[in-house]
Amino acid sequence: MTSHKQVQDDLRVLLVAPTGADARLSQALLAEAGIACVVCADVTTLCATLADGAGAVVLTEEALAGHNLHQLTTALNQQPPWSDLPIIVLTQGGPNSRVANYAVGTLGNVMVLDRPVRVATLVSAVRTALRARERQYQLREHLRERAKAAEERVKLLWAEQQARAAAEAAVQMRDAFLSIAAHELKTPLTSLLGNIELVARRIARNGGPSERDRRAIHVASQQGHRLKQMIDALLDVSRLEQGQLSITHAPVDFGLLVERVVQEVQLGVTQHTIESHIPTEPVMTLGDELRLEQVLQNLLQNAIKYSPAGGAIVVTVERQTAHAVVQVRDHGVGIPTTAIPHLFERFYRVPDATERHIQGAGIGLYVVKEIVTLHSGTVGVTSQEGGGSTFTIQLPLLETTDVQAVAGKQMLHTAERRETSERPASEPAREPSRGSGIPSILVVDDDSAIRAMFSEVLGDEGYDVVGVANGQEALHELRQRNDLPQLILLDLMMPIMNGWTFLTHQQQDATLAAIPVVVISAGSMIQPQLFSHSPASFLPKPVDVDLLLGMVKRYCQAP
């Protein structure tokens, strides 16, 4: 904001007269007309005074003689771009004045008055000059406001960029934390659930504890598996946020998949009956069977959760034009109309879920929608409070000819991989020992509790188990043995030498490459780079004991 004194200085007239008497007379005449005037002794003083502001300059042609005109021109050129200071030159030569004509061509905004000049003419000329100067000041204020606004925009943009960068960094830190924390949680959970299952198996085999103790073990196992589901969901959210949730593409028979998932879920529930209606002909789609199984599991568990009184849950598989359609219908509490548009949002929970004691973190349906979207499909819901809900999934239908084409490509890819993995005849691979002795398994995991749990579980089944803490110890153990183990159970995240590096060394060693490797690690660690090392299979942590034993029996001879 411009101060009052600055306004006065900006509108004053700077006067240079040939004599002191002329200067004082001119100053008095302008003062009577209400015009502020400052007398300058010479052009040098005038140029110095310009810095404090001026509305116009009045001087005689004598004042511009010699070097003075160049000096004044230099001072005016140093004014801001918006400034065009009015100059009134009093001359006795009229149009023939050489100095006046030169001043007009050099100084720019010049008005020439002949002397002697009438007072009214001088006052009128000065007022005209000041009005022009005021318009220049208005332009100055406009430019200042624009510059200030531009500066504010730059500051806001910078602040926004900083805030966005901070938010993105926070999201990255959060996702990294979730990924690491979930992996770290899965390690003790593997040992916990494994030992619970171990005790339950020993009780079932040998008898012993009371029904109360059996019930306590069952509750501990249930809660452990619930914790596992929550960790898996957090990992999926983290991978989705980072764009790292990848899917494979292979023909999937939706009917067979639904039938298997329904049977598995039904085994774990007693209050609900799950019915499935599946056509006799295949209903094929192209997708990731494990991820689609996750979607079905999630929808079924959701139906069970929102049907606390029990009842029937109906799963239907249909072919509709170009789509494979699956519907999961329950007769539970239903969903409020206002909640339906938000149902598939991340971390969203139905408002009255807490009052109804319905547990959940608001992650499952978000993950369902993202997985279905990655399959180029859609998921929707219809519901009525008190009347149950119906979730509908639509995926692109894969016709029989498409199935054969995909299968052919997969066979070709498999043949190429086998061809590139063939070894020279000069380096024959030594097969794992399958003699009459106890079948041997090498466990590679940096967690001693997990090694001990695997040793107990597999030892109870008659296997000889050797445990080491990292890939380097595993290579040392393998290379000093006379007989090779029939199977390697391998963790990925280990110090000194991790699982990926071990796989690289193992595949490059003709003696060790024939040993099948089952990777056992947190799901977030299973990245596409893993498959270039061709492990036999993998199991996610925490490991289900039945799945573990089934995998071991697939690759090892019976004890």
Protein backbone atom coordinates (compact mmCIF):
# COMPACT_ATOMS: atom_id res chain seq x y z
CA MET A 1 0.00 0.00 0.00
CA THR A 2 1.35 3.45 -0.98
CA SER A 3 1.86 5.91 1.95
CA HIS A 4 0.42 9.45 2.02
CA LYS A 5 3.88 11.00 1.76
CA GLN A 6 4.72 8.80 -1.20
CA VAL A 7 1.52 9.95 -2.93
CA GLN A 8 2.54 13.57 -2.37
CA ASP A 9 6.05 12.96 -3.71
CA ASP A 10 4.68 11.08 -6.73
CA LEU A 11 2.57 14.08 -7.77
CA ARG A 12 5.02 16.93 -7.10
CA VAL A 13 6.55 19.01 -9.89
CA LEU A 14 10.34 19.31 -10.12
CA LEU A 15 11.36 22.77 -11.36
CA VAL A 16 14.69 24.01 -12.76
CA ALA A 17 14.73 27.76 -13.57
CA PRO A 18 17.60 29.94 -14.87
CA THR A 19 17.60 32.16 -11.75
CA GLY A 20 16.51 31.81 -8.18
CA ALA A 21 13.97 34.60 -8.58
CA ASP A 22 12.31 32.87 -11.54
CA ALA A 23 12.20 29.64 -9.59
CA ARG A 24 10.57 31.15 -6.54
CA LEU A 25 8.01 33.03 -8.68
CA SER A 26 7.07 29.88 -10.63
CA GLN A 27 6.81 27.88 -7.38
CA ALA A 28 4.46 30.49 -5.90
CA LEU A 29 2.23 30.56 -8.99
CA LEU A 30 1.90 26.77 -9.04
CA ALA A 31 1.25 26.70 -5.30
CA GLU A 32 -1.67 29.11 -5.76
CA ALA A 33 -3.12 26.59 -8.22
CA GLY A 34 -2.74 23.81 -5.59
CA ILE A 35 0.24 22.16 -7.27
CA ALA A 36 3.18 21.07 -5.09
CA CYS A 37 6.50 22.13 -6.52
CA VAL A 38 10.12 21.43 -5.58
CA VAL A 39 12.83 23.75 -6.88
CA CYS A 40 16.03 22.06 -8.03
CA ALA A 41 19.19 24.10 -8.43
CA ASP A 42 20.31 22.23 -11.55
CA VAL A 43 19.73 19.08 -13.60
CA THR A 44 22.10 17.06 -11.40
CA THR A 45 19.96 17.83 -8.34
CA LEU A 46 16.79 17.09 -10.34
CA CYS A 47 18.08 13.64 -11.36
CA ALA A 48 18.91 12.80 -7.74
CA THR A 49 15.45 13.93 -6.59
CA LEU A 50 13.69 11.77 -9.21
CA ALA A 51 14.39 8.68 -7.14
CA ASP A 52 11.94 9.90 -4.45
CA GLY A 53 9.14 10.38 -6.97
CA ALA A 54 7.85 13.09 -9.34
CA GLY A 55 4.66 13.88 -11.25
CA ALA A 56 6.25 16.13 -13.88
CA VAL A 57 9.38 18.17 -14.68
CA VAL A 58 9.38 21.84 -15.70
CA LEU A 59 12.65 23.37 -16.96
CA THR A 60 13.99 25.90 -19.42
CA GLU A 61 15.94 25.10 -22.55
CA GLU A 62 19.02 26.68 -20.95
CA ALA A 63 18.95 23.95 -18.30
CA LEU A 64 19.42 21.32 -21.00
CA ALA A 65 22.57 22.83 -22.43
CA GLY A 66 25.81 20.87 -22.62
CA HIS A 67 25.97 17.53 -20.80
CA ASN A 68 22.71 18.13 -18.90
CA LEU A 69 20.45 16.67 -21.63
CA HIS A 70 22.44 13.42 -21.69
CA GLN A 71 22.39 13.30 -17.88
CA LEU A 72 18.60 13.71 -17.77
CA THR A 73 18.13 11.11 -20.53
CA THR A 74 20.20 8.60 -18.54
CA ALA A 75 18.12 9.22 -15.40
CA LEU A 76 14.82 8.75 -17.29
CA ASN A 77 16.06 5.51 -18.86
CA GLN A 78 16.57 4.16 -15.35
CA GLN A 79 12.86 4.66 -14.53
CA PRO A 80 10.61 1.53 -14.36
CA PRO A 81 9.12 0.25 -17.65
CA TRP A 82 5.68 1.67 -16.83
CA SER A 83 7.08 5.21 -16.30
CA ASP A 84 6.87 7.89 -19.01
CA LEU A 85 7.59 11.05 -16.96
CA PRO A 86 6.09 14.22 -18.55
CA ILE A 87 8.66 16.93 -19.33
CA ILE A 88 7.64 20.61 -19.96
CA VAL A 89 10.35 22.64 -21.68
CA LEU A 90 10.10 26.44 -21.70
CA THR A 91 11.81 27.89 -24.78
CA GLN A 92 12.26 31.26 -26.42
CA GLY A 93 12.99 29.91 -29.90
CA GLY A 94 9.64 28.22 -30.49
CA PRO A 95 9.65 25.51 -33.16
CA ASN A 96 13.10 26.63 -34.29
CA SER A 97 14.74 25.88 -30.93
CA ARG A 98 17.46 23.34 -31.58
CA VAL A 99 17.63 22.23 -27.91
CA ALA A 100 13.84 21.85 -27.63
CA ASN A 101 13.63 19.81 -30.83
CA TYR A 102 16.48 17.56 -29.65
CA ALA A 103 14.80 17.14 -26.25
CA VAL A 104 11.54 16.04 -27.92
CA GLY A 105 13.39 13.38 -29.90
CA THR A 106 15.45 12.20 -26.94
CA LEU A 107 13.34 12.48 -23.79
CA GLY A 108 10.08 11.21 -25.28
CA ASN A 109 7.09 12.62 -23.36
CA VAL A 110 7.91 16.33 -23.90
CA MET A 111 5.64 19.41 -24.12
CA VAL A 112 7.21 22.66 -25.45
CA LEU A 113 5.88 26.07 -24.33
CA ASP A 114 7.09 29.42 -25.71
CA ARG A 115 8.29 32.09 -23.31
CA PRO A 116 7.01 34.34 -22.05
CA VAL A 117 4.25 31.92 -21.05
CA ARG A 118 0.96 32.94 -19.57
CA VAL A 119 0.31 31.64 -16.04
CA ALA A 120 -2.96 29.98 -17.06
CA THR A 121 -1.22 28.18 -19.91
CA LEU A 122 1.55 26.91 -17.60
CA VAL A 123 -0.89 25.73 -14.95
CA SER A 124 -3.05 23.98 -17.57
CA ALA A 125 -0.03 22.25 -19.07
CA VAL A 126 1.19 21.09 -15.65
CA ARG A 127 -2.25 19.73 -14.70
CA THR A 128 -2.46 17.86 -18.02
CA ALA A 129 0.97 16.38 -17.33
CA LEU A 130 -0.04 15.32 -13.79
CA ARG A 131 -3.23 13.65 -15.02
CA ALA A 132 -1.14 11.63 -17.49
CA ARG A 133 1.23 10.75 -14.66
CA GLU A 134 -1.66 9.59 -12.45
CA ARG A 135 -2.75 7.18 -15.18
CA GLN A 136 0.81 5.83 -15.19
CA TYR A 137 0.60 5.31 -11.42
CA GLN A 138 -2.66 3.42 -11.89
CA LEU A 139 -0.88 1.17 -14.35
CA ARG A 140 1.93 0.76 -11.79
CA GLU A 141 -0.54 -0.36 -9.11
CA HIS A 142 -2.18 -2.77 -11.54
CA LEU A 143 1.19 -4.26 -12.42
CA ARG A 144 2.09 -4.53 -8.72
CA GLU A 145 -1.17 -6.35 -7.99
CA ARG A 146 -0.57 -8.71 -10.88
CA ALA A 147 2.99 -9.34 -9.72
CA LYS A 148 1.77 -9.93 -6.17
CA ALA A 149 -0.94 -12.29 -7.41
CA ALA A 150 1.61 -14.14 -9.53
CA GLU A 151 3.94 -14.39 -6.54
CA GLU A 152 1.09 -15.73 -4.40
CA ARG A 153 0.29 -18.28 -7.10
CA VAL A 154 3.91 -19.37 -7.18
CA LYS A 155 3.91 -19.70 -3.38
CA LEU A 156 0.65 -21.65 -3.45
CA LEU A 157 1.94 -23.88 -6.23
CA TRP A 158 5.15 -24.50 -4.35
CA ALA A 159 3.22 -25.23 -1.14
CA GLU A 160 0.92 -27.57 -3.06
CA GLN A 161 3.87 -29.36 -4.64
CA GLN A 162 5.53 -29.69 -1.24
CA ALA A 163 2.32 -30.98 0.31
CA ARG A 164 1.82 -33.44 -2.55
CA ALA A 165 5.42 -34.63 -2.30
CA ALA A 166 5.05 -35.03 1.46
CA ALA A 167 1.77 -36.92 1.00
CA GLU A 168 3.30 -39.19 -1.63
CA ALA A 169 6.31 -39.81 0.58
CA ALA A 170 4.00 -40.59 3.50
CA VAL A 171 2.01 -43.03 1.34
CA GLN A 172 5.21 -44.72 0.18
CA MET A 173 6.44 -44.94 3.77
CA ARG A 174 3.09 -46.32 4.88
CA ASP A 175 3.01 -48.92 2.10
CA ALA A 176 6.61 -49.90 2.78
CA PHE A 177 5.81 -50.18 6.49
CA LEU A 178 2.71 -52.28 5.81
CA SER A 179 4.63 -54.58 3.53
CA ILE A 180 7.54 -55.03 5.93
CA ALA A 181 5.32 -55.22 9.03
CA ALA A 182 3.03 -57.78 7.43
CA HIS A 183 6.00 -59.91 6.39
CA GLU A 184 7.50 -59.69 9.86
CA LEU A 185 4.14 -60.59 11.43
CA LYS A 186 3.79 -63.62 9.20
CA THR A 187 7.04 -65.13 10.40
CA PRO A 188 6.01 -65.62 14.07
CA LEU A 189 2.47 -66.44 12.91
CA THR A 190 3.87 -69.33 10.87
CA SER A 191 5.52 -70.76 13.95
CA LEU A 192 2.45 -70.10 16.12
CA LEU A 193 -0.07 -71.77 13.80
CA GLY A 194 2.32 -74.57 12.94
CA ASN A 195 2.83 -75.49 16.58
CA ILE A 196 -0.91 -75.27 17.31
CA GLU A 197 -1.56 -77.65 14.43
CA LEU A 198 1.28 -79.88 15.59
CA VAL A 199 -0.23 -80.17 19.10
CA ALA A 200 -3.70 -80.77 17.66
CA ARG A 201 -2.39 -83.57 15.45
CA ARG A 202 -0.54 -85.22 18.32
CA ILE A 203 -3.67 -85.03 20.49
CA ALA A 204 -5.77 -86.53 17.70
CA ARG A 205 -3.20 -89.28 17.19
CA ASN A 206 -2.34 -90.13 20.80
CA GLY A 207 -5.23 -88.76 22.86
CA GLY A 208 -4.63 -86.91 26.10
CA PRO A 209 -5.98 -83.44 26.80
CA SER A 210 -9.56 -82.83 27.81
CA GLU A 211 -12.31 -81.50 25.56
CA ARG A 212 -11.79 -78.11 27.16
CA ASP A 213 -8.14 -78.10 26.10
CA ARG A 214 -9.10 -79.22 22.60
CA ARG A 215 -11.58 -76.35 22.41
CA ALA A 216 -8.91 -73.87 23.52
CA ILE A 217 -6.56 -75.12 20.81
CA HIS A 218 -9.35 -74.80 18.25
CA VAL A 219 -10.06 -71.19 19.29
CA ALA A 220 -6.35 -70.32 19.15
CA SER A 221 -6.14 -71.82 15.67
CA GLN A 222 -9.22 -69.91 14.48
CA GLN A 223 -7.92 -66.60 15.78
CA GLY A 224 -4.52 -67.23 14.25
CA HIS A 225 -6.09 -67.86 10.85
CA ARG A 226 -8.21 -64.72 11.27
CA LEU A 227 -5.04 -62.73 11.92
CA LYS A 228 -3.50 -64.28 8.81
CA GLN A 229 -6.45 -63.12 6.69
CA MET A 230 -6.10 -59.57 8.03
CA ILE A 231 -2.38 -59.53 7.23
CA ASP A 232 -3.02 -60.87 3.73
CA ALA A 233 -5.60 -58.14 3.16
CA LEU A 234 -3.19 -55.43 4.30
CA LEU A 235 -0.54 -56.79 1.96
CA ASP A 236 -2.99 -56.77 -0.94
CA VAL A 237 -3.89 -53.13 -0.25
CA SER A 238 -0.21 -52.21 -0.13
CA ARG A 239 0.47 -53.99 -3.43
CA LEU A 240 -2.55 -52.37 -5.09
CA GLU A 241 -1.44 -48.90 -3.96
CA GLN A 242 2.02 -49.51 -5.40
CA GLY A 243 0.68 -51.07 -8.60
CA GLN A 244 2.43 -54.34 -7.78
CA LEU A 245 -0.56 -56.69 -7.62
CA SER A 246 0.07 -58.76 -10.74
CA ILE A 247 -2.12 -61.52 -12.15
CA THR A 248 -1.40 -64.44 -14.45
CA HIS A 249 -3.58 -65.34 -17.42
CA ALA A 250 -4.65 -68.94 -17.95
CA PRO A 251 -7.96 -70.65 -18.76
CA VAL A 252 -10.09 -71.05 -15.61
CA ASP A 253 -13.28 -73.09 -15.39
CA PHE A 254 -15.46 -70.93 -13.15
CA GLY A 255 -17.80 -73.82 -12.42
CA LEU A 256 -15.06 -76.11 -11.10
CA LEU A 257 -13.49 -73.24 -9.16
CA VAL A 258 -16.79 -72.32 -7.48
CA GLU A 259 -17.50 -75.96 -6.65
CA ARG A 260 -14.12 -76.40 -4.96
CA VAL A 261 -14.27 -73.10 -3.02
CA VAL A 262 -17.82 -73.79 -1.81
CA GLN A 263 -16.77 -77.21 -0.50
CA GLU A 264 -13.77 -75.73 1.32
CA VAL A 265 -15.77 -72.91 2.93
CA GLN A 266 -18.63 -75.22 3.90
CA LEU A 267 -16.22 -77.37 5.94
CA GLY A 268 -15.51 -74.42 8.23
CA VAL A 269 -19.10 -73.30 8.96
CA THR A 270 -21.93 -74.98 10.82
CA GLN A 271 -24.72 -72.37 10.95
CA HIS A 272 -24.83 -71.78 7.19
CA THR A 273 -25.62 -73.97 4.21
CA ILE A 274 -23.90 -73.03 0.97
CA GLU A 275 -25.74 -74.10 -2.17
CA SER A 276 -24.17 -73.99 -5.61
CA HIS A 277 -25.90 -74.03 -8.98
CA ILE A 278 -23.38 -74.80 -11.70
CA PRO A 279 -24.10 -75.68 -15.35
CA THR A 280 -22.83 -78.98 -16.70
CA GLU A 281 -20.86 -77.38 -19.55
CA PRO A 282 -17.65 -75.48 -18.71
CA VAL A 283 -17.88 -71.74 -18.04
CA MET A 284 -14.40 -70.57 -18.95
CA THR A 285 -12.60 -67.27 -18.41
CA LEU A 286 -9.00 -66.13 -18.76
CA GLY A 287 -7.44 -65.16 -15.47
CA ASP A 288 -5.51 -65.92 -12.31
CA GLU A 289 -7.11 -68.87 -10.55
CA LEU A 290 -5.57 -68.05 -7.16
CA ARG A 291 -6.79 -64.44 -7.31
CA LEU A 292 -10.27 -65.47 -8.50
CA GLU A 293 -10.39 -67.99 -5.66
CA GLN A 294 -9.52 -65.12 -3.30
CA VAL A 295 -12.47 -63.14 -4.70
CA LEU A 296 -14.91 -66.02 -4.17
CA GLN A 297 -13.57 -66.73 -0.67
CA ASN A 298 -14.00 -63.08 0.22
CA LEU A 299 -17.57 -62.85 -1.06
CA LEU A 300 -18.57 -66.07 0.70
CA GLN A 301 -16.99 -64.97 3.98
CA ASN A 302 -18.73 -61.62 3.58
CA ALA A 303 -22.07 -63.38 3.07
CA ILE A 304 -21.47 -65.49 6.17
CA LYS A 305 -20.45 -62.44 8.21
CA TYR A 306 -23.58 -60.48 7.25
CA SER A 307 -25.86 -63.46 7.96
CA PRO A 308 -25.23 -63.78 11.71
CA ALA A 309 -28.39 -65.85 12.19
CA GLY A 310 -27.23 -68.46 9.73
CA GLY A 311 -29.27 -69.69 6.78
CA ALA A 312 -28.68 -70.48 3.15
CA ILE A 313 -26.12 -68.86 0.88
CA VAL A 314 -26.59 -69.50 -2.82
CA VAL A 315 -23.82 -69.35 -5.42
CA THR A 316 -24.84 -69.39 -9.08
CA VAL A 317 -22.63 -69.70 -12.18
CA GLU A 318 -24.03 -68.78 -15.60
CA ARG A 319 -23.05 -68.00 -19.17
CA GLN A 320 -24.57 -64.70 -20.31
CA THR A 321 -23.76 -63.71 -23.89
CA ALA A 322 -20.03 -62.83 -23.76
CA HIS A 323 -19.65 -63.05 -19.99
CA ALA A 324 -19.08 -65.61 -17.29
CA VAL A 325 -21.33 -64.55 -14.41
CA VAL A 326 -21.14 -65.58 -10.76
CA GLN A 327 -23.67 -64.49 -8.15
CA VAL A 328 -23.38 -64.89 -4.37
CA ARG A 329 -26.72 -64.36 -2.61
CA ASP A 330 -27.39 -64.37 1.13
CA HIS A 331 -30.50 -63.78 3.27
CA GLY A 332 -28.78 -61.73 5.93
CA VAL A 333 -29.14 -58.23 7.34
CA GLY A 334 -28.67 -56.46 4.00
CA ILE A 335 -26.94 -53.19 3.24
CA PRO A 336 -28.34 -49.65 3.73
CA THR A 337 -29.08 -47.90 0.43
CA THR A 338 -26.80 -44.99 1.35
CA ALA A 339 -23.87 -47.36 1.88
CA ILE A 340 -24.01 -49.18 -1.46
CA PRO A 341 -22.18 -46.50 -3.54
CA HIS A 342 -19.26 -46.64 -1.09
CA LEU A 343 -19.17 -50.37 -0.51
CA PHE A 344 -16.09 -51.07 -2.66
CA GLU A 345 -14.07 -48.10 -1.38
CA ARG A 346 -10.88 -48.73 0.56
CA PHE A 347 -11.36 -48.96 4.35
CA TYR A 348 -15.11 -48.31 4.07
CA ARG A 349 -17.35 -50.02 6.61
CA VAL A 350 -21.13 -50.07 6.70
CA PRO A 351 -22.13 -47.49 9.37
CA ASP A 352 -24.03 -49.90 11.64
CA ALA A 353 -21.54 -52.77 11.33
CA THR A 354 -20.03 -52.10 14.77
CA GLU A 355 -23.43 -52.02 16.48
CA ARG A 356 -24.24 -55.35 14.87
CA HIS A 357 -20.89 -56.76 16.03
CA ILE A 358 -19.81 -57.45 12.44
CA GLN A 359 -16.03 -57.49 12.28
CA GLY A 360 -13.86 -56.27 9.43
CA ALA A 361 -11.40 -53.56 8.39
CA GLY A 362 -13.14 -52.40 5.22
CA ILE A 363 -10.51 -53.96 2.95
CA GLY A 364 -11.98 -57.15 1.51
CA LEU A 365 -14.50 -55.73 -0.97
CA TYR A 366 -12.01 -53.10 -2.12
CA VAL A 367 -9.55 -55.89 -2.97
CA VAL A 368 -12.34 -57.86 -4.68
CA LYS A 369 -13.17 -54.93 -6.96
CA GLU A 370 -9.51 -54.29 -7.84
CA ILE A 371 -8.85 -57.96 -8.67
CA VAL A 372 -11.98 -58.19 -10.81
CA THR A 373 -11.01 -54.95 -12.58
CA LEU A 374 -7.56 -56.40 -13.33
CA HIS A 375 -9.43 -59.25 -15.05
CA SER A 376 -11.34 -56.71 -17.22
CA GLY A 377 -14.51 -57.56 -15.31
CA THR A 378 -17.09 -55.83 -13.14
CA VAL A 379 -18.57 -56.44 -9.69
CA GLY A 380 -21.82 -55.02 -8.36
CA VAL A 381 -24.31 -55.47 -5.55
CA THR A 382 -28.04 -55.26 -4.98
CA SER A 383 -29.39 -55.31 -1.47
CA GLN A 384 -32.35 -54.56 0.75
CA GLU A 385 -32.06 -53.99 4.48
CA GLY A 386 -33.36 -57.07 6.22
CA GLY A 387 -33.66 -58.94 2.92
CA GLY A 388 -30.10 -59.97 2.17
CA SER A 389 -27.64 -59.04 -0.58
CA THR A 390 -26.58 -60.33 -3.99
CA PHE A 391 -23.06 -59.74 -5.33
CA THR A 392 -22.59 -60.24 -9.06
CA ILE A 393 -19.28 -60.73 -10.87
CA GLN A 394 -18.99 -60.53 -14.65
CA LEU A 395 -15.82 -61.62 -16.45
CA PRO A 396 -15.12 -61.99 -20.18
CA LEU A 397 -16.18 -65.43 -21.36
CA LEU A 398 -13.49 -67.59 -22.95
CA GLU A 399 -14.83 -69.76 -25.77
CA THR A 400 -13.53 -73.28 -26.48
CA THR A 401 -11.41 -72.17 -29.45
CA ASP A 402 -9.81 -69.47 -27.29
CA VAL A 403 -9.05 -72.04 -24.59
CA GLN A 404 -7.26 -74.26 -27.11
CA ALA A 405 -5.22 -71.31 -28.43
CA VAL A 406 -4.13 -70.28 -24.94
CA ALA A 407 -3.30 -73.86 -24.02
CA GLY A 408 -1.19 -74.19 -27.18
CA LYS A 409 0.80 -71.05 -26.32
CA GLN A 410 1.39 -72.32 -22.79
CA MET A 411 2.67 -75.66 -24.12
CA LEU A 412 5.02 -73.84 -26.50
CA HIS A 413 6.29 -71.62 -23.68
CA THR A 414 6.86 -74.66 -21.48
CA ALA A 415 8.77 -76.44 -24.25
CA GLU A 416 10.97 -73.38 -24.82
CA ARG A 417 11.79 -73.14 -21.13
CA ARG A 418 12.65 -76.83 -21.00
CA GLU A 419 14.88 -76.48 -24.06
CA THR A 420 16.80 -73.54 -22.59
CA SER A 421 17.24 -75.34 -19.29
CA GLU A 422 18.81 -78.50 -20.77
CA ARG A 423 22.33 -79.16 -19.51
CA PRO A 424 25.36 -80.26 -21.55
CA ALA A 425 26.12 -84.00 -21.52
CA SER A 426 29.49 -83.22 -19.92
CA GLU A 427 27.67 -82.04 -16.75
CA PRO A 428 25.24 -84.78 -15.75
CA ALA A 429 22.88 -83.86 -12.94
CA ARG A 430 23.01 -85.99 -9.83
CA GLU A 431 19.48 -87.05 -8.86
CA PRO A 432 18.34 -86.63 -5.26
CA SER A 433 18.87 -89.69 -3.15
CA ARG A 434 15.83 -91.97 -3.08
CA GLY A 435 17.38 -95.00 -1.47
CA SER A 436 15.96 -97.15 1.29
CA GLY A 437 16.91 -94.67 4.01
CA ILE A 438 14.76 -92.02 5.63
CA PRO A 439 13.82 -89.31 3.09
CA SER A 440 15.69 -86.08 3.82
CA ILE A 441 14.43 -82.48 3.62
CA LEU A 442 16.55 -79.32 3.89
CA VAL A 443 14.81 -76.34 5.56
CA VAL A 444 16.40 -72.93 4.81
CA ASP A 445 14.97 -70.18 7.05
CA ASP A 446 16.63 -67.58 9.26
CA ASP A 447 13.96 -67.98 11.98
CA SER A 448 14.98 -70.74 14.37
CA ALA A 449 11.40 -71.17 15.65
CA ILE A 450 10.16 -71.93 12.13
CA ARG A 451 13.02 -74.38 11.52
CA ALA A 452 12.15 -76.12 14.77
CA MET A 453 8.44 -76.22 13.93
CA PHE A 454 9.09 -77.69 10.46
CA SER A 455 11.44 -80.24 12.03
CA GLU A 456 8.76 -81.28 14.54
CA VAL A 457 5.90 -81.47 12.01
CA LEU A 458 7.90 -83.30 9.34
CA GLY A 459 9.72 -85.42 11.91
CA ASP A 460 6.38 -86.69 13.22
CA GLU A 461 5.64 -87.86 9.67
CA GLY A 462 8.92 -89.80 9.48
CA TYR A 463 11.13 -87.36 7.51
CA ASP A 464 14.75 -86.51 8.35
CA VAL A 465 14.96 -82.70 8.54
CA VAL A 466 18.11 -80.55 8.47
CA GLY A 467 17.77 -76.82 9.09
CA VAL A 468 20.11 -73.95 8.12
CA ALA A 469 19.77 -70.18 8.57
CA ASN A 470 20.54 -68.75 5.11
CA GLY A 471 21.41 -69.53 1.49
CA GLN A 472 25.16 -69.61 2.08
CA GLU A 473 24.81 -72.24 4.81
CA ALA A 474 22.45 -74.20 2.54
CA LEU A 475 24.99 -74.32 -0.31
CA HIS A 476 27.70 -75.40 2.13
CA GLU A 477 25.46 -78.13 3.56
CA LEU A 478 24.49 -79.41 0.12
CA ARG A 479 28.03 -79.49 -1.29
CA GLN A 480 29.50 -81.41 1.62
CA ARG A 481 26.83 -84.12 1.66
CA ASN A 482 27.23 -87.47 -0.07
CA ASP A 483 23.49 -87.84 -0.59
CA LEU A 484 21.21 -85.00 -1.65
CA PRO A 485 17.95 -84.17 0.12
CA GLN A 486 14.78 -84.98 -1.77
CA LEU A 487 13.32 -81.49 -1.20
CA ILE A 488 14.40 -77.98 -0.17
CA LEU A 489 12.00 -75.71 1.72
CA LEU A 490 13.30 -72.18 1.12
CA ASP A 491 12.55 -68.81 2.70
CA LEU A 492 13.33 -65.70 0.64
CA MET A 493 14.11 -62.87 3.07
CA MET A 494 17.28 -63.98 4.87
CA PRO A 495 20.55 -62.28 5.85
CA ILE A 496 23.98 -63.05 4.27
CA MET A 497 22.43 -64.82 1.24
CA ASN A 498 18.72 -64.51 0.48
CA GLY A 499 16.50 -67.03 -1.27
CA TRP A 500 16.69 -65.46 -4.74
CA THR A 501 20.49 -65.59 -4.72
CA PHE A 502 20.43 -69.18 -3.47
CA LEU A 503 18.09 -70.18 -6.31
CA THR A 504 20.44 -68.63 -8.84
CA HIS A 505 23.43 -70.60 -7.48
CA GLN A 506 21.39 -73.79 -7.20
CA GLN A 507 20.10 -73.61 -10.79
CA GLN A 508 23.63 -72.97 -12.10
CA ASP A 509 25.03 -76.02 -10.28
CA ALA A 510 24.40 -79.19 -12.34
CA THR A 511 24.72 -81.30 -9.18
CA LEU A 512 22.10 -79.38 -7.19
CA ALA A 513 19.68 -78.23 -9.89
CA ALA A 514 17.68 -81.47 -9.86
CA ILE A 515 16.53 -80.94 -6.25
CA PRO A 516 12.97 -79.54 -6.20
CA VAL A 517 12.62 -76.28 -4.26
CA VAL A 518 9.42 -75.12 -2.59
CA VAL A 519 9.58 -71.45 -1.70
CA ILE A 520 7.94 -70.61 1.62
CA SER A 521 7.65 -66.87 2.18
CA ALA A 522 5.26 -64.01 2.76
CA GLY A 523 3.06 -63.36 -0.28
CA SER A 524 4.50 -59.83 -0.73
CA MET A 525 7.91 -61.36 -1.40
CA ILE A 526 6.66 -63.52 -4.29
CA GLN A 527 7.50 -61.27 -7.22
CA PRO A 528 7.67 -62.11 -10.95
CA GLN A 529 11.46 -62.18 -10.77
CA LEU A 530 11.18 -65.30 -8.63
CA PHE A 531 9.77 -67.41 -11.44
CA SER A 532 12.80 -66.90 -13.66
CA HIS A 533 14.58 -69.23 -11.19
CA SER A 534 11.96 -71.98 -11.72
CA PRO A 535 11.17 -73.23 -8.19
CA ALA A 536 9.00 -76.31 -8.07
CA SER A 537 6.24 -74.47 -6.17
CA PHE A 538 5.65 -72.06 -3.32
CA LEU A 539 3.59 -71.81 -0.13
CA PRO A 540 2.69 -68.48 1.48
CA LYS A 541 3.41 -67.81 5.13
CA PRO A 542 1.89 -68.61 7.54
CA VAL A 543 1.98 -72.16 6.21
CA ASP A 544 -1.03 -74.41 6.44
CA VAL A 545 0.30 -77.73 7.79
CA ASP A 546 -1.98 -79.85 5.60
CA LEU A 547 -0.82 -77.98 2.50
CA LEU A 548 2.80 -78.32 3.62
CA LEU A 549 2.51 -82.07 4.09
CA GLY A 550 0.69 -82.43 0.78
CA MET A 551 3.48 -80.53 -0.97
CA VAL A 552 6.17 -82.63 0.73
CA LYS A 553 4.46 -85.91 -0.27
CA ARG A 554 4.31 -84.67 -3.87
CA TYR A 555 8.10 -84.41 -4.11
CA CYS A 556 9.38 -86.94 -1.52
CA GLN A 557 9.03 -90.68 -1.31
CA ALA A 558 6.97 -91.95 1.61
CA PRO A 559 9.00 -92.54 4.84
